[in-house]
């Protein structure tokens, strides 16, 4: 949900039209409400055990791949992601 909030805020900062405000503002509001509702729950799960270094490296590689795909899709649609 934090990633959804960051994504929505980023798109709200660069898009000023009404459609973007409705889409990204709505998703931002949804994510904020969900975080509030989740934090109100009484039962807290036990924290997971620490991940191994292999899983951490896999997460970094996966993140870079997804980031590259997102940037490529933005360029493909004609919206440069890097300036």
C-alpha atoms as a PDB file:
ATOM      1  CA  UNK A   1       0.000   0.000   0.000  1.00  0.00           C
ATOM      2  CA  UNK A   2       2.936   2.325   0.579  1.00  0.00           C
ATOM      3  CA  UNK A   3       4.065   1.691  -2.989  1.00  0.00           C
ATOM      4  CA  UNK A   4       0.563   2.485  -4.287  1.00  0.00           C
ATOM      5  CA  UNK A   5       0.573   5.740  -2.318  1.00  0.00           C
ATOM      6  CA  UNK A   6       4.012   6.733  -3.648  1.00  0.00           C
ATOM      7  CA  UNK A   7       2.987   5.812  -7.215  1.00  0.00           C
ATOM      8  CA  UNK A   8      -0.237   7.813  -6.974  1.00  0.00           C
ATOM      9  CA  UNK A   9       1.487  10.876  -5.513  1.00  0.00           C
ATOM     10  CA  UNK A  10       4.165  10.727  -8.214  1.00  0.00           C
ATOM     11  CA  UNK A  11       1.572  10.655 -10.962  1.00  0.00           C
ATOM     12  CA  UNK A  12      -0.498  13.392  -9.324  1.00  0.00           C
ATOM     13  CA  UNK A  13       2.575  15.641  -9.258  1.00  0.00           C
ATOM     14  CA  UNK A  14       3.173  15.358 -13.001  1.00  0.00           C
ATOM     15  CA  UNK A  15      -0.417  15.068 -14.284  1.00  0.00           C
ATOM     16  CA  UNK A  16      -2.767  17.954 -13.630  1.00  0.00           C
ATOM     17  CA  UNK A  17      -5.868  16.987 -15.591  1.00  0.00           C
ATOM     18  CA  UNK A  18      -9.184  15.958 -14.055  1.00  0.00           C
ATOM     19  CA  UNK A  19      -9.022  12.342 -15.238  1.00  0.00           C
ATOM     20  CA  UNK A  20      -5.632  11.826 -13.585  1.00  0.00           C
ATOM     21  CA  UNK A  21      -6.859  13.482 -10.410  1.00  0.00           C
ATOM     22  CA  UNK A  22      -9.853  11.146 -10.267  1.00  0.00           C
ATOM     23  CA  UNK A  23      -7.830   8.005 -11.047  1.00  0.00           C
ATOM     24  CA  UNK A  24      -4.686   8.601  -9.001  1.00  0.00           C
ATOM     25  CA  UNK A  25      -6.451  10.571  -6.264  1.00  0.00           C
ATOM     26  CA  UNK A  26      -8.958   7.770  -5.857  1.00  0.00           C
ATOM     27  CA  UNK A  27      -6.229   5.158  -5.627  1.00  0.00           C
ATOM     28  CA  UNK A  28      -4.357   7.309  -3.112  1.00  0.00           C
ATOM     29  CA  UNK A  29      -7.471   7.721  -0.984  1.00  0.00           C
ATOM     30  CA  UNK A  30      -8.143   3.968  -1.145  1.00  0.00           C
ATOM     31  CA  UNK A  31      -4.595   3.130  -0.030  1.00  0.00           C
ATOM     32  CA  UNK A  32      -4.742   5.590   2.875  1.00  0.00           C
ATOM     33  CA  UNK A  33      -8.097   4.207   4.071  1.00  0.00           C
ATOM     34  CA  UNK A  34      -6.818   0.623   3.796  1.00  0.00           C
ATOM     35  CA  UNK A  35      -3.751   1.420   5.913  1.00  0.00           C
ATOM     36  CA  UNK A  36      -5.966   3.002   8.566  1.00  0.00           C
ATOM     37  CA  UNK A  37      -8.302  -0.010   8.572  1.00  0.00           C
ATOM     38  CA  UNK A  38      -5.443  -2.501   8.749  1.00  0.00           C
ATOM     39  CA  UNK A  39      -3.847  -0.639  11.654  1.00  0.00           C
ATOM     40  CA  UNK A  40      -7.137  -0.740  13.586  1.00  0.00           C
ATOM     41  CA  UNK A  41      -7.172  -4.535  13.630  1.00  0.00           C
ATOM     42  CA  UNK A  42      -6.450  -5.925  17.064  1.00  0.00           C
ATOM     43  CA  UNK A  43      -4.601  -9.134  16.203  1.00  0.00           C
ATOM     44  CA  UNK A  44      -1.032  -8.566  15.054  1.00  0.00           C
ATOM     45  CA  UNK A  45       0.749 -11.414  13.255  1.00  0.00           C
ATOM     46  CA  UNK A  46       4.142 -12.579  14.453  1.00  0.00           C
ATOM     47  CA  UNK A  47       7.018 -11.057  12.483  1.00  0.00           C
ATOM     48  CA  UNK A  48       8.445 -13.334   9.780  1.00  0.00           C
ATOM     49  CA  UNK A  49      11.920 -14.811  10.189  1.00  0.00           C
ATOM     50  CA  UNK A  50      14.728 -12.896   8.489  1.00  0.00           C
ATOM     51  CA  UNK A  51      15.197 -13.663   4.795  1.00  0.00           C
ATOM     52  CA  UNK A  52      18.308 -15.333   3.447  1.00  0.00           C
ATOM     53  CA  UNK A  53      20.825 -13.377   1.350  1.00  0.00           C
ATOM     54  CA  UNK A  54      19.740 -15.299  -1.755  1.00  0.00           C
ATOM     55  CA  UNK A  55      16.177 -14.083  -1.368  1.00  0.00           C
ATOM     56  CA  UNK A  56      17.403 -10.514  -0.851  1.00  0.00           C
ATOM     57  CA  UNK A  57      19.467 -10.646  -4.052  1.00  0.00           C
ATOM     58  CA  UNK A  58      16.512 -12.148  -5.901  1.00  0.00           C
ATOM     59  CA  UNK A  59      14.300  -9.317  -4.654  1.00  0.00           C
ATOM     60  CA  UNK A  60      16.784  -6.686  -5.872  1.00  0.00           C
ATOM     61  CA  UNK A  61      17.098  -8.323  -9.296  1.00  0.00           C
ATOM     62  CA  UNK A  62      13.324  -8.674  -9.568  1.00  0.00           C
ATOM     63  CA  UNK A  63      12.859  -5.027  -8.608  1.00  0.00           C
ATOM     64  CA  UNK A  64      15.313  -3.872 -11.276  1.00  0.00           C
ATOM     65  CA  UNK A  65      13.573  -6.005 -13.921  1.00  0.00           C
ATOM     66  CA  UNK A  66      10.131  -4.653 -13.025  1.00  0.00           C
ATOM     67  CA  UNK A  67      11.495  -1.085 -12.908  1.00  0.00           C
ATOM     68  CA  UNK A  68      13.003  -1.539 -16.364  1.00  0.00           C
ATOM     69  CA  UNK A  69       9.736  -2.916 -17.733  1.00  0.00           C
ATOM     70  CA  UNK A  70       7.784   0.008 -16.303  1.00  0.00           C
ATOM     71  CA  UNK A  71      10.230   2.500 -17.821  1.00  0.00           C
ATOM     72  CA  UNK A  72      10.056   0.695 -21.184  1.00  0.00           C
ATOM     73  CA  UNK A  73       6.235   0.763 -21.171  1.00  0.00           C
ATOM     74  CA  UNK A  74       6.277   4.493 -20.390  1.00  0.00           C
ATOM     75  CA  UNK A  75       8.628   5.122 -23.347  1.00  0.00           C
ATOM     76  CA  UNK A  76       6.530   2.843 -25.559  1.00  0.00           C
ATOM     77  CA  UNK A  77       3.432   4.945 -24.839  1.00  0.00           C
ATOM     78  CA  UNK A  78       5.398   8.142 -25.478  1.00  0.00           C
ATOM     79  CA  UNK A  79       5.898   9.310 -21.885  1.00  0.00           C
ATOM     80  CA  UNK A  80       9.610   9.370 -21.071  1.00  0.00           C
ATOM     81  CA  UNK A  81      10.180   8.139 -17.532  1.00  0.00           C
ATOM     82  CA  UNK A  82      13.553   9.853 -17.172  1.00  0.00           C
ATOM     83  CA  UNK A  83      13.016  13.411 -18.308  1.00  0.00           C
END
